Every structure is written in structure tokens, then in C-alpha cells.
Amino acid sequence: MNQDSNTIETSSGSGGLEMFRNRLKKNKKEISKWARKNNISCYRIYDKDVPQVPVAIDDYEGDFVLQYFRGPYDESDIIMDSRIRSIEDIILEVFEIKPNKLFTKLREKKKGSSQYNKLSKSYTTKIVTEGFAKFKKMKSEWNFSIYNLYARKNAYSIFFTKTSQAYKLAILSFVPSISYNFIF
């Protein structure tokens, strides 16, 4: 695997990333112009236009959301992570933004009980304008979490009864957490 993130070679090759870069430049020019003309500040700039790059990119007044759709071409998490990093690098370069303006989400099909294991909930808002209307989008965030809900690999204590029967007592089975983050 080549270390240069823009020429990373995976099962689908690096040509897809170059086509993605070119399409992103074209969309930036054309769609951004259309959005300014129509006084629209939040829009989808890219939606799986190049089949080798299965992503959607939304622009929320300069905050970009990258949605990566995991597929069969991602043979391992390592390959997928390097593809996502390469895509992120291209987005940062084309739109000339800082990394804190790019938010990445992984979209993948869930099977069995894994689709029901949501362990945290967050709420994020940001006020954006479209024409004369104002809408709430992401800026501040409430996060409710439970760490180690399944009680795996816990610290525990073993104690013995007079009959030499051993018992295991978990010290912390799970830990609830609440946090509020905001940008000012």
C-alpha cells in the first residue's frame, strides 16, 4: 500500500479517488454557484457520483458532513479507514477547510442484534439560513452515554466462602455519563 494518501491503492484502485477529486472540484464550482444564486446555505455537494467512492457530502454553511457508505469493497477496517482518510484529505484540499470543519459518519448495514445496540444519544444544533428562513443545525451537543454496558473485561474481585466456593464480584459493571459540549 502506498503511503501517499492521495494515491492509496485498494481493491478498487486509486483512479476512483482522482475521478472523485475532479468531480468534487466541478460540483464545488457549479453547485456552490447555484446555491449562492438561490440564497441556499445548506445543500448536498456530492452524492455517490463516482461508484468507487461511495460517499455523500453535505455543506452546512461551511461545516461539511461526510457520510461514508461501507460496502463489500472494504475488505477490512484497515482498508476502509485508509480510504476514509484519503477521501477526507481530498475534501479538505478541494474546499480549503480545516479538519475541525469536517464531520465524518460511517453508514453500514447492520445484521442481527448489532442493529439494536445504540449506547449513546446526542443532540446537536446550529442556526443556518436559507433565503428568509432560519433553521437549527449542529453546534451544541448533549451526550448521554453508558460505558461498558455489556460489562466486558471489568475489574473484579474474587472471594471465597468457608466451603471454598469462589465468587467473582465486579467492581464497576457500567458507568453512566452525561456531557454537554458547546462552541462559542
N, C-alpha and C. Protein backbone atom coordinates (compact mmCIF):
# COMPACT_ATOMS: atom_id res chain seq x y z
N MET A 1 0.85 -1.17 0.00
CA MET A 1 0.00 0.00 0.00
C MET A 1 0.89 1.23 0.00
N ASN A 2 0.61 2.14 -0.84
CA ASN A 2 1.38 3.37 -0.96
C ASN A 2 1.04 4.30 0.20
N GLN A 3 2.02 4.99 0.78
CA GLN A 3 1.78 5.85 1.93
C GLN A 3 1.17 7.19 1.58
N ASP A 4 1.28 7.63 0.33
CA ASP A 4 0.68 8.90 -0.06
C ASP A 4 -0.83 8.75 -0.07
N SER A 5 -1.53 9.52 0.79
CA SER A 5 -2.96 9.32 0.98
C SER A 5 -3.77 9.61 -0.27
N ASN A 6 -3.24 10.39 -1.20
CA ASN A 6 -4.00 10.70 -2.41
C ASN A 6 -3.84 9.65 -3.49
N THR A 7 -2.84 8.77 -3.34
CA THR A 7 -2.66 7.72 -4.34
C THR A 7 -2.76 6.35 -3.70
N ILE A 8 -3.54 6.24 -2.64
CA ILE A 8 -3.68 4.97 -1.94
C ILE A 8 -4.27 3.92 -2.87
N GLU A 9 -3.71 2.75 -2.83
CA GLU A 9 -4.18 1.69 -3.71
C GLU A 9 -4.96 0.68 -2.89
N THR A 10 -6.18 0.44 -3.28
CA THR A 10 -7.02 -0.56 -2.63
C THR A 10 -7.59 -1.44 -3.72
N SER A 11 -8.52 -2.28 -3.36
CA SER A 11 -9.09 -3.19 -4.34
C SER A 11 -9.77 -2.46 -5.48
N SER A 12 -10.25 -1.24 -5.24
CA SER A 12 -10.91 -0.51 -6.32
C SER A 12 -9.95 0.45 -7.01
N GLY A 13 -8.67 0.48 -6.61
CA GLY A 13 -7.66 1.28 -7.28
C GLY A 13 -7.71 2.74 -6.89
N SER A 14 -6.68 3.48 -7.33
CA SER A 14 -6.59 4.89 -6.99
C SER A 14 -7.25 5.78 -8.03
N GLY A 15 -7.61 5.24 -9.19
CA GLY A 15 -8.26 6.03 -10.23
C GLY A 15 -9.57 6.61 -9.77
N GLY A 16 -10.30 5.88 -8.93
CA GLY A 16 -11.57 6.36 -8.41
C GLY A 16 -11.40 7.61 -7.57
N LEU A 17 -10.30 7.68 -6.81
CA LEU A 17 -10.06 8.86 -5.98
C LEU A 17 -9.74 10.08 -6.83
N GLU A 18 -9.04 9.88 -7.93
CA GLU A 18 -8.75 11.02 -8.81
C GLU A 18 -10.01 11.50 -9.51
N MET A 19 -10.87 10.56 -9.94
CA MET A 19 -12.16 10.94 -10.52
C MET A 19 -13.01 11.67 -9.48
N PHE A 20 -12.95 11.21 -8.21
CA PHE A 20 -13.68 11.86 -7.12
C PHE A 20 -13.20 13.29 -6.93
N ARG A 21 -11.88 13.50 -6.93
CA ARG A 21 -11.32 14.83 -6.76
C ARG A 21 -11.81 15.76 -7.88
N ASN A 22 -11.78 15.29 -9.10
CA ASN A 22 -12.22 16.10 -10.25
C ASN A 22 -13.71 16.41 -10.16
N ARG A 23 -14.53 15.42 -9.79
CA ARG A 23 -15.97 15.64 -9.66
C ARG A 23 -16.27 16.63 -8.54
N LEU A 24 -15.53 16.53 -7.45
CA LEU A 24 -15.73 17.43 -6.32
C LEU A 24 -15.40 18.88 -6.72
N LYS A 25 -14.33 19.06 -7.49
CA LYS A 25 -13.98 20.41 -7.96
C LYS A 25 -15.08 20.98 -8.85
N LYS A 26 -15.60 20.12 -9.73
CA LYS A 26 -16.68 20.55 -10.63
C LYS A 26 -17.94 20.90 -9.83
N ASN A 27 -18.32 20.03 -8.89
CA ASN A 27 -19.51 20.27 -8.08
C ASN A 27 -19.34 21.51 -7.21
N LYS A 28 -18.15 21.71 -6.69
CA LYS A 28 -17.90 22.90 -5.87
C LYS A 28 -18.18 24.16 -6.69
N LYS A 29 -17.70 24.17 -7.91
CA LYS A 29 -17.88 25.34 -8.77
C LYS A 29 -19.35 25.53 -9.15
N GLU A 30 -19.99 24.47 -9.64
CA GLU A 30 -21.34 24.59 -10.18
C GLU A 30 -22.43 24.65 -9.10
N ILE A 31 -22.39 23.75 -8.14
CA ILE A 31 -23.45 23.69 -7.13
C ILE A 31 -23.35 24.86 -6.16
N SER A 32 -22.12 25.24 -5.79
CA SER A 32 -21.95 26.40 -4.91
C SER A 32 -22.48 27.67 -5.56
N LYS A 33 -22.23 27.81 -6.86
CA LYS A 33 -22.73 28.98 -7.61
C LYS A 33 -24.26 28.98 -7.61
N TRP A 34 -24.86 27.81 -7.87
CA TRP A 34 -26.32 27.68 -7.87
C TRP A 34 -26.90 28.01 -6.49
N ALA A 35 -26.24 27.51 -5.43
CA ALA A 35 -26.73 27.74 -4.06
C ALA A 35 -26.67 29.22 -3.69
N ARG A 36 -25.56 29.90 -4.04
CA ARG A 36 -25.46 31.34 -3.75
C ARG A 36 -26.52 32.12 -4.50
N LYS A 37 -26.73 31.78 -5.77
CA LYS A 37 -27.72 32.47 -6.61
C LYS A 37 -29.12 32.33 -6.02
N ASN A 38 -29.43 31.17 -5.44
CA ASN A 38 -30.76 30.90 -4.89
C ASN A 38 -30.84 31.13 -3.38
N ASN A 39 -29.78 31.71 -2.81
CA ASN A 39 -29.75 32.03 -1.39
C ASN A 39 -29.96 30.79 -0.50
N ILE A 40 -29.28 29.70 -0.86
CA ILE A 40 -29.35 28.43 -0.12
C ILE A 40 -27.99 28.20 0.52
N SER A 41 -28.00 27.96 1.84
CA SER A 41 -26.72 27.81 2.53
C SER A 41 -26.41 26.37 2.95
N CYS A 42 -27.36 25.46 2.85
CA CYS A 42 -27.16 24.06 3.22
C CYS A 42 -27.61 23.18 2.06
N TYR A 43 -26.69 22.36 1.57
CA TYR A 43 -27.01 21.56 0.39
C TYR A 43 -26.06 20.38 0.28
N ARG A 44 -26.46 19.39 -0.50
CA ARG A 44 -25.60 18.23 -0.77
C ARG A 44 -24.71 18.57 -1.96
N ILE A 45 -23.42 18.48 -1.73
CA ILE A 45 -22.44 18.84 -2.76
C ILE A 45 -22.00 17.62 -3.58
N TYR A 46 -22.19 16.41 -3.01
CA TYR A 46 -21.76 15.19 -3.69
C TYR A 46 -22.61 14.03 -3.17
N ASP A 47 -23.07 13.18 -4.09
CA ASP A 47 -23.92 12.06 -3.68
C ASP A 47 -23.60 10.82 -4.50
N LYS A 48 -22.53 10.12 -4.13
CA LYS A 48 -22.12 8.86 -4.76
C LYS A 48 -22.04 8.98 -6.29
N ASP A 49 -21.53 10.11 -6.80
CA ASP A 49 -21.43 10.32 -8.25
C ASP A 49 -20.44 9.35 -8.88
N VAL A 50 -19.32 9.06 -8.21
CA VAL A 50 -18.31 8.12 -8.70
C VAL A 50 -18.51 6.82 -7.93
N PRO A 51 -18.85 5.72 -8.62
CA PRO A 51 -19.17 4.47 -7.91
C PRO A 51 -18.06 3.95 -7.00
N GLN A 52 -16.80 4.22 -7.33
CA GLN A 52 -15.69 3.74 -6.50
C GLN A 52 -15.57 4.52 -5.19
N VAL A 53 -16.25 5.65 -5.09
CA VAL A 53 -16.18 6.47 -3.87
C VAL A 53 -17.60 6.66 -3.34
N PRO A 54 -18.06 5.71 -2.51
CA PRO A 54 -19.45 5.70 -2.03
C PRO A 54 -19.68 6.64 -0.84
N VAL A 55 -19.70 7.93 -1.11
CA VAL A 55 -19.90 8.89 -0.04
C VAL A 55 -20.95 9.91 -0.45
N ALA A 56 -21.48 10.59 0.56
CA ALA A 56 -22.33 11.76 0.35
C ALA A 56 -21.70 12.87 1.18
N ILE A 57 -21.68 14.08 0.62
CA ILE A 57 -21.09 15.22 1.32
C ILE A 57 -22.11 16.34 1.34
N ASP A 58 -22.39 16.84 2.54
CA ASP A 58 -23.31 17.95 2.73
C ASP A 58 -22.54 19.16 3.24
N ASP A 59 -22.93 20.35 2.78
CA ASP A 59 -22.33 21.60 3.23
C ASP A 59 -23.37 22.35 4.04
N TYR A 60 -23.08 22.55 5.33
CA TYR A 60 -23.95 23.33 6.22
C TYR A 60 -23.22 24.63 6.57
N GLU A 61 -23.31 25.59 5.70
CA GLU A 61 -22.68 26.91 5.88
C GLU A 61 -21.20 26.78 6.26
N GLY A 62 -20.47 25.98 5.52
CA GLY A 62 -19.04 25.84 5.77
C GLY A 62 -18.66 24.69 6.67
N ASP A 63 -19.62 24.05 7.33
CA ASP A 63 -19.37 22.82 8.07
C ASP A 63 -19.78 21.67 7.15
N PHE A 64 -18.86 20.76 6.90
CA PHE A 64 -19.10 19.68 5.95
C PHE A 64 -19.32 18.37 6.68
N VAL A 65 -20.31 17.59 6.22
CA VAL A 65 -20.59 16.27 6.77
C VAL A 65 -20.32 15.24 5.68
N LEU A 66 -19.37 14.36 5.95
CA LEU A 66 -19.02 13.27 5.05
C LEU A 66 -19.69 12.01 5.56
N GLN A 67 -20.49 11.38 4.71
CA GLN A 67 -21.13 10.10 5.06
C GLN A 67 -20.51 9.03 4.18
N TYR A 68 -19.80 8.11 4.82
CA TYR A 68 -19.13 7.03 4.09
C TYR A 68 -20.01 5.78 4.17
N PHE A 69 -20.36 5.22 3.03
CA PHE A 69 -21.21 4.04 2.97
C PHE A 69 -20.33 2.80 2.81
N ARG A 70 -20.23 2.02 3.88
CA ARG A 70 -19.39 0.83 3.86
C ARG A 70 -20.01 -0.21 2.93
N GLY A 71 -19.15 -0.86 2.16
CA GLY A 71 -19.63 -1.87 1.21
C GLY A 71 -18.71 -3.06 1.16
N PRO A 72 -18.97 -3.97 0.22
CA PRO A 72 -18.18 -5.19 0.12
C PRO A 72 -16.73 -4.94 -0.31
N TYR A 73 -16.44 -3.78 -0.89
CA TYR A 73 -15.09 -3.44 -1.32
C TYR A 73 -14.18 -3.13 -0.14
N ASP A 74 -14.75 -2.89 1.03
CA ASP A 74 -13.97 -2.65 2.24
C ASP A 74 -13.69 -3.99 2.90
N GLU A 75 -12.60 -4.64 2.44
CA GLU A 75 -12.30 -5.99 2.91
C GLU A 75 -11.94 -6.04 4.38
N SER A 76 -11.41 -4.95 4.91
CA SER A 76 -11.06 -4.90 6.33
C SER A 76 -11.24 -3.47 6.83
N ASP A 77 -11.22 -3.33 8.14
CA ASP A 77 -11.33 -2.00 8.74
C ASP A 77 -10.13 -1.14 8.38
N ILE A 78 -8.96 -1.75 8.22
CA ILE A 78 -7.75 -1.00 7.88
C ILE A 78 -7.88 -0.37 6.50
N ILE A 79 -8.37 -1.14 5.53
CA ILE A 79 -8.58 -0.62 4.17
C ILE A 79 -9.62 0.49 4.20
N MET A 80 -10.72 0.26 4.92
CA MET A 80 -11.78 1.26 4.99
C MET A 80 -11.27 2.55 5.64
N ASP A 81 -10.53 2.43 6.73
CA ASP A 81 -10.01 3.61 7.42
C ASP A 81 -9.07 4.41 6.52
N SER A 82 -8.22 3.73 5.77
CA SER A 82 -7.31 4.47 4.89
C SER A 82 -8.07 5.10 3.72
N ARG A 83 -9.13 4.46 3.23
CA ARG A 83 -9.96 5.07 2.18
C ARG A 83 -10.65 6.33 2.72
N ILE A 84 -11.18 6.24 3.93
CA ILE A 84 -11.85 7.40 4.53
C ILE A 84 -10.86 8.54 4.72
N ARG A 85 -9.65 8.23 5.21
CA ARG A 85 -8.63 9.28 5.39
C ARG A 85 -8.27 9.93 4.06
N SER A 86 -8.15 9.12 3.01
CA SER A 86 -7.84 9.66 1.68
C SER A 86 -8.96 10.58 1.19
N ILE A 87 -10.18 10.16 1.39
CA ILE A 87 -11.34 10.97 0.98
C ILE A 87 -11.39 12.26 1.79
N GLU A 88 -11.16 12.16 3.09
CA GLU A 88 -11.14 13.36 3.94
C GLU A 88 -10.06 14.34 3.48
N ASP A 89 -8.87 13.83 3.15
CA ASP A 89 -7.78 14.69 2.67
C ASP A 89 -8.17 15.44 1.40
N ILE A 90 -8.84 14.74 0.49
CA ILE A 90 -9.27 15.37 -0.76
C ILE A 90 -10.30 16.46 -0.47
N ILE A 91 -11.24 16.19 0.41
CA ILE A 91 -12.27 17.19 0.76
C ILE A 91 -11.62 18.42 1.38
N LEU A 92 -10.69 18.22 2.31
CA LEU A 92 -10.01 19.34 2.96
C LEU A 92 -9.25 20.18 1.93
N GLU A 93 -8.64 19.50 0.96
CA GLU A 93 -7.87 20.21 -0.07
C GLU A 93 -8.78 20.97 -1.02
N VAL A 94 -9.81 20.32 -1.55
CA VAL A 94 -10.69 20.95 -2.55
C VAL A 94 -11.46 22.13 -1.96
N PHE A 95 -11.99 21.97 -0.76
CA PHE A 95 -12.80 23.04 -0.16
C PHE A 95 -11.98 24.00 0.69
N GLU A 96 -10.68 23.71 0.82
CA GLU A 96 -9.77 24.57 1.57
C GLU A 96 -10.32 24.88 2.97
N ILE A 97 -10.63 23.80 3.70
CA ILE A 97 -11.18 23.94 5.05
C ILE A 97 -10.24 23.27 6.05
N LYS A 98 -10.43 23.61 7.31
CA LYS A 98 -9.65 22.99 8.39
C LYS A 98 -10.34 21.69 8.81
N PRO A 99 -9.59 20.75 9.38
CA PRO A 99 -10.18 19.46 9.78
C PRO A 99 -11.34 19.58 10.77
N ASN A 100 -11.37 20.64 11.59
CA ASN A 100 -12.48 20.76 12.55
C ASN A 100 -13.78 21.19 11.88
N LYS A 101 -13.77 21.44 10.59
CA LYS A 101 -14.98 21.79 9.83
C LYS A 101 -15.54 20.58 9.07
N LEU A 102 -14.92 19.41 9.24
CA LEU A 102 -15.35 18.19 8.55
C LEU A 102 -15.75 17.15 9.58
N PHE A 103 -17.00 16.67 9.47
CA PHE A 103 -17.54 15.66 10.37
C PHE A 103 -17.79 14.40 9.54
N THR A 104 -17.30 13.27 10.01
CA THR A 104 -17.42 12.02 9.26
C THR A 104 -18.36 11.06 9.97
N LYS A 105 -19.27 10.47 9.18
CA LYS A 105 -20.20 9.46 9.69
C LYS A 105 -20.00 8.19 8.88
N LEU A 106 -20.05 7.05 9.53
CA LEU A 106 -19.96 5.77 8.86
C LEU A 106 -21.36 5.18 8.74
N ARG A 107 -21.74 4.85 7.54
CA ARG A 107 -23.04 4.21 7.29
C ARG A 107 -22.76 2.78 6.85
N GLU A 108 -23.39 1.83 7.55
CA GLU A 108 -23.22 0.44 7.17
C GLU A 108 -24.46 -0.35 7.56
N LYS A 109 -24.71 -1.43 6.83
CA LYS A 109 -25.85 -2.28 7.13
C LYS A 109 -25.53 -3.10 8.37
N LYS A 110 -26.50 -3.18 9.25
CA LYS A 110 -26.34 -3.94 10.48
C LYS A 110 -27.08 -5.27 10.33
N LYS A 111 -26.57 -6.29 11.00
CA LYS A 111 -27.21 -7.61 10.95
C LYS A 111 -27.45 -8.10 12.37
N GLY A 112 -28.52 -8.84 12.54
CA GLY A 112 -28.81 -9.45 13.83
C GLY A 112 -29.03 -8.42 14.92
N SER A 113 -28.50 -8.72 16.10
CA SER A 113 -28.73 -7.84 17.24
C SER A 113 -27.87 -6.59 17.20
N SER A 114 -26.86 -6.53 16.32
CA SER A 114 -25.99 -5.35 16.28
C SER A 114 -26.74 -4.10 15.86
N GLN A 115 -27.86 -4.25 15.18
CA GLN A 115 -28.61 -3.08 14.76
C GLN A 115 -29.40 -2.44 15.90
N TYR A 116 -29.44 -3.09 17.04
CA TYR A 116 -30.22 -2.57 18.18
C TYR A 116 -29.34 -2.09 19.33
N ASN A 117 -28.06 -1.91 19.12
CA ASN A 117 -27.15 -1.61 20.21
C ASN A 117 -26.73 -0.15 20.27
N LYS A 118 -27.64 0.77 20.21
CA LYS A 118 -27.28 2.18 20.33
C LYS A 118 -27.03 2.47 21.80
N LEU A 119 -25.82 2.91 22.12
CA LEU A 119 -25.45 3.09 23.52
C LEU A 119 -25.34 4.55 23.93
N SER A 120 -25.45 5.47 23.00
CA SER A 120 -25.39 6.88 23.40
C SER A 120 -26.38 7.67 22.56
N LYS A 121 -26.73 8.82 23.07
CA LYS A 121 -27.66 9.70 22.38
C LYS A 121 -27.10 11.11 22.47
N SER A 122 -27.06 11.81 21.35
CA SER A 122 -26.58 13.19 21.39
C SER A 122 -27.51 14.09 20.58
N TYR A 123 -27.52 15.35 20.92
CA TYR A 123 -28.34 16.34 20.25
C TYR A 123 -27.44 17.52 19.91
N THR A 124 -27.41 17.89 18.65
CA THR A 124 -26.53 18.95 18.19
C THR A 124 -27.32 19.94 17.35
N THR A 125 -27.09 21.24 17.54
CA THR A 125 -27.83 22.24 16.77
C THR A 125 -26.91 23.32 16.23
N LYS A 126 -27.32 23.94 15.15
CA LYS A 126 -26.66 25.12 14.57
C LYS A 126 -27.74 25.88 13.82
N ILE A 127 -27.79 27.19 13.98
CA ILE A 127 -28.75 28.01 13.25
C ILE A 127 -28.16 28.34 11.89
N VAL A 128 -28.88 28.01 10.83
CA VAL A 128 -28.46 28.34 9.47
C VAL A 128 -29.62 29.03 8.77
N THR A 129 -29.31 29.77 7.73
CA THR A 129 -30.36 30.48 7.00
C THR A 129 -30.46 29.97 5.58
N GLU A 130 -31.66 29.92 5.09
CA GLU A 130 -31.94 29.61 3.69
C GLU A 130 -32.99 30.59 3.24
N GLY A 131 -32.58 31.53 2.40
CA GLY A 131 -33.49 32.58 1.99
C GLY A 131 -33.81 33.44 3.18
N PHE A 132 -35.08 33.57 3.50
CA PHE A 132 -35.51 34.38 4.64
C PHE A 132 -35.83 33.53 5.86
N ALA A 133 -35.66 32.21 5.75
CA ALA A 133 -35.99 31.31 6.87
C ALA A 133 -34.72 30.92 7.62
N LYS A 134 -34.87 30.63 8.90
CA LYS A 134 -33.76 30.15 9.73
C LYS A 134 -34.08 28.75 10.23
N PHE A 135 -33.07 27.89 10.22
CA PHE A 135 -33.24 26.51 10.65
C PHE A 135 -32.16 26.17 11.66
N LYS A 136 -32.46 25.20 12.55
CA LYS A 136 -31.46 24.73 13.50
C LYS A 136 -30.68 23.58 12.89
N LYS A 137 -29.36 23.67 12.97
CA LYS A 137 -28.46 22.58 12.57
C LYS A 137 -27.45 22.39 13.71
N MET A 138 -26.36 21.68 13.50
CA MET A 138 -25.44 21.31 14.57
C MET A 138 -24.54 22.43 15.09
N LYS A 139 -24.42 22.57 16.40
CA LYS A 139 -23.46 23.46 17.04
C LYS A 139 -23.20 23.08 18.49
N SER A 140 -24.26 22.88 19.31
CA SER A 140 -24.06 22.43 20.68
C SER A 140 -24.54 20.99 20.80
N GLU A 141 -24.13 20.31 21.87
CA GLU A 141 -24.40 18.88 21.90
C GLU A 141 -24.60 18.38 23.33
N TRP A 142 -25.68 17.63 23.53
CA TRP A 142 -25.89 16.85 24.75
C TRP A 142 -25.51 15.43 24.43
N ASN A 143 -24.80 14.77 25.31
CA ASN A 143 -24.41 13.39 25.07
C ASN A 143 -24.70 12.57 26.32
N PHE A 144 -25.55 11.56 26.17
CA PHE A 144 -25.89 10.64 27.25
C PHE A 144 -25.30 9.29 26.89
N SER A 145 -24.43 8.77 27.72
CA SER A 145 -23.73 7.53 27.38
C SER A 145 -23.71 6.58 28.57
N ILE A 146 -23.54 5.32 28.25
CA ILE A 146 -23.28 4.31 29.26
C ILE A 146 -22.04 3.56 28.81
N TYR A 147 -21.00 3.65 29.60
CA TYR A 147 -19.77 2.95 29.28
C TYR A 147 -19.84 1.52 29.77
N ASN A 148 -19.35 0.62 28.94
CA ASN A 148 -19.25 -0.79 29.30
C ASN A 148 -20.60 -1.41 29.66
N LEU A 149 -21.60 -1.13 28.86
CA LEU A 149 -22.95 -1.63 29.13
C LEU A 149 -22.99 -3.15 29.21
N TYR A 150 -22.17 -3.82 28.41
CA TYR A 150 -22.18 -5.27 28.38
C TYR A 150 -21.30 -5.88 29.47
N ALA A 151 -20.66 -5.04 30.29
CA ALA A 151 -19.85 -5.48 31.42
C ALA A 151 -18.74 -6.44 30.99
N ARG A 152 -18.04 -6.09 29.94
CA ARG A 152 -16.94 -6.92 29.47
C ARG A 152 -15.62 -6.42 30.03
N LYS A 153 -14.73 -7.33 30.35
CA LYS A 153 -13.37 -7.04 30.82
C LYS A 153 -13.37 -6.06 31.98
N ASN A 154 -14.23 -6.29 32.92
CA ASN A 154 -14.31 -5.42 34.10
C ASN A 154 -13.24 -5.79 35.12
N ALA A 155 -12.89 -4.82 35.94
CA ALA A 155 -12.08 -5.11 37.12
C ALA A 155 -13.00 -5.86 38.09
N TYR A 156 -12.52 -6.90 38.70
CA TYR A 156 -13.37 -7.66 39.61
C TYR A 156 -12.55 -8.19 40.78
N SER A 157 -13.27 -8.61 41.78
CA SER A 157 -12.67 -9.17 42.98
C SER A 157 -13.18 -10.60 43.13
N ILE A 158 -12.29 -11.50 43.51
CA ILE A 158 -12.69 -12.89 43.76
C ILE A 158 -12.62 -13.12 45.26
N PHE A 159 -13.67 -13.67 45.80
CA PHE A 159 -13.64 -14.00 47.22
C PHE A 159 -14.15 -15.43 47.39
N PHE A 160 -13.74 -16.03 48.50
CA PHE A 160 -14.05 -17.43 48.76
C PHE A 160 -14.89 -17.54 50.04
N THR A 161 -15.82 -18.49 50.01
CA THR A 161 -16.62 -18.78 51.20
C THR A 161 -15.88 -19.83 52.04
N LYS A 162 -16.44 -20.15 53.19
CA LYS A 162 -15.83 -21.15 54.07
C LYS A 162 -15.82 -22.53 53.42
N THR A 163 -16.73 -22.76 52.47
CA THR A 163 -16.80 -24.05 51.78
C THR A 163 -15.91 -24.07 50.54
N SER A 164 -15.03 -23.09 50.43
CA SER A 164 -14.07 -22.97 49.31
C SER A 164 -14.75 -22.74 47.96
N GLN A 165 -15.93 -22.22 47.98
CA GLN A 165 -16.60 -21.86 46.73
C GLN A 165 -16.18 -20.43 46.38
N ALA A 166 -15.78 -20.20 45.11
CA ALA A 166 -15.29 -18.88 44.68
C ALA A 166 -16.43 -18.07 44.05
N TYR A 167 -16.42 -16.78 44.35
CA TYR A 167 -17.38 -15.86 43.75
C TYR A 167 -16.62 -14.69 43.13
N LYS A 168 -17.11 -14.21 42.02
CA LYS A 168 -16.50 -13.06 41.35
C LYS A 168 -17.45 -11.87 41.49
N LEU A 169 -16.93 -10.77 41.98
CA LEU A 169 -17.73 -9.56 42.17
C LEU A 169 -17.15 -8.45 41.30
N ALA A 170 -17.95 -7.95 40.36
CA ALA A 170 -17.49 -6.85 39.50
C ALA A 170 -17.49 -5.56 40.30
N ILE A 171 -16.41 -4.80 40.18
CA ILE A 171 -16.31 -3.54 40.91
C ILE A 171 -17.18 -2.48 40.24
N LEU A 172 -17.04 -2.30 38.94
CA LEU A 172 -17.88 -1.38 38.16
C LEU A 172 -18.44 -2.15 36.97
N SER A 173 -19.73 -2.40 36.99
CA SER A 173 -20.30 -3.13 35.86
C SER A 173 -20.54 -2.20 34.68
N PHE A 174 -21.06 -1.01 34.92
CA PHE A 174 -21.19 0.00 33.87
C PHE A 174 -21.18 1.38 34.51
N VAL A 175 -20.85 2.38 33.71
CA VAL A 175 -20.73 3.74 34.23
C VAL A 175 -21.56 4.68 33.36
N PRO A 176 -22.57 5.35 33.94
CA PRO A 176 -23.34 6.32 33.15
C PRO A 176 -22.56 7.63 33.01
N SER A 177 -22.82 8.34 31.92
CA SER A 177 -22.14 9.61 31.67
C SER A 177 -23.08 10.58 30.99
N ILE A 178 -23.04 11.85 31.40
CA ILE A 178 -23.81 12.91 30.75
C ILE A 178 -22.84 14.06 30.51
N SER A 179 -22.81 14.57 29.28
CA SER A 179 -21.95 15.72 29.00
C SER A 179 -22.68 16.69 28.07
N TYR A 180 -22.29 17.95 28.17
CA TYR A 180 -22.84 19.00 27.29
C TYR A 180 -21.65 19.76 26.70
N ASN A 181 -21.56 19.79 25.39
CA ASN A 181 -20.49 20.49 24.70
C ASN A 181 -21.08 21.62 23.88
N PHE A 182 -20.43 22.74 23.83
CA PHE A 182 -20.91 23.84 23.01
C PHE A 182 -19.72 24.62 22.45
N ILE A 183 -19.96 25.26 21.34
CA ILE A 183 -18.95 26.08 20.69
C ILE A 183 -19.41 27.52 20.79
N PHE A 184 -18.55 28.39 21.27
CA PHE A 184 -18.91 29.79 21.38
C PHE A 184 -17.87 30.66 20.76
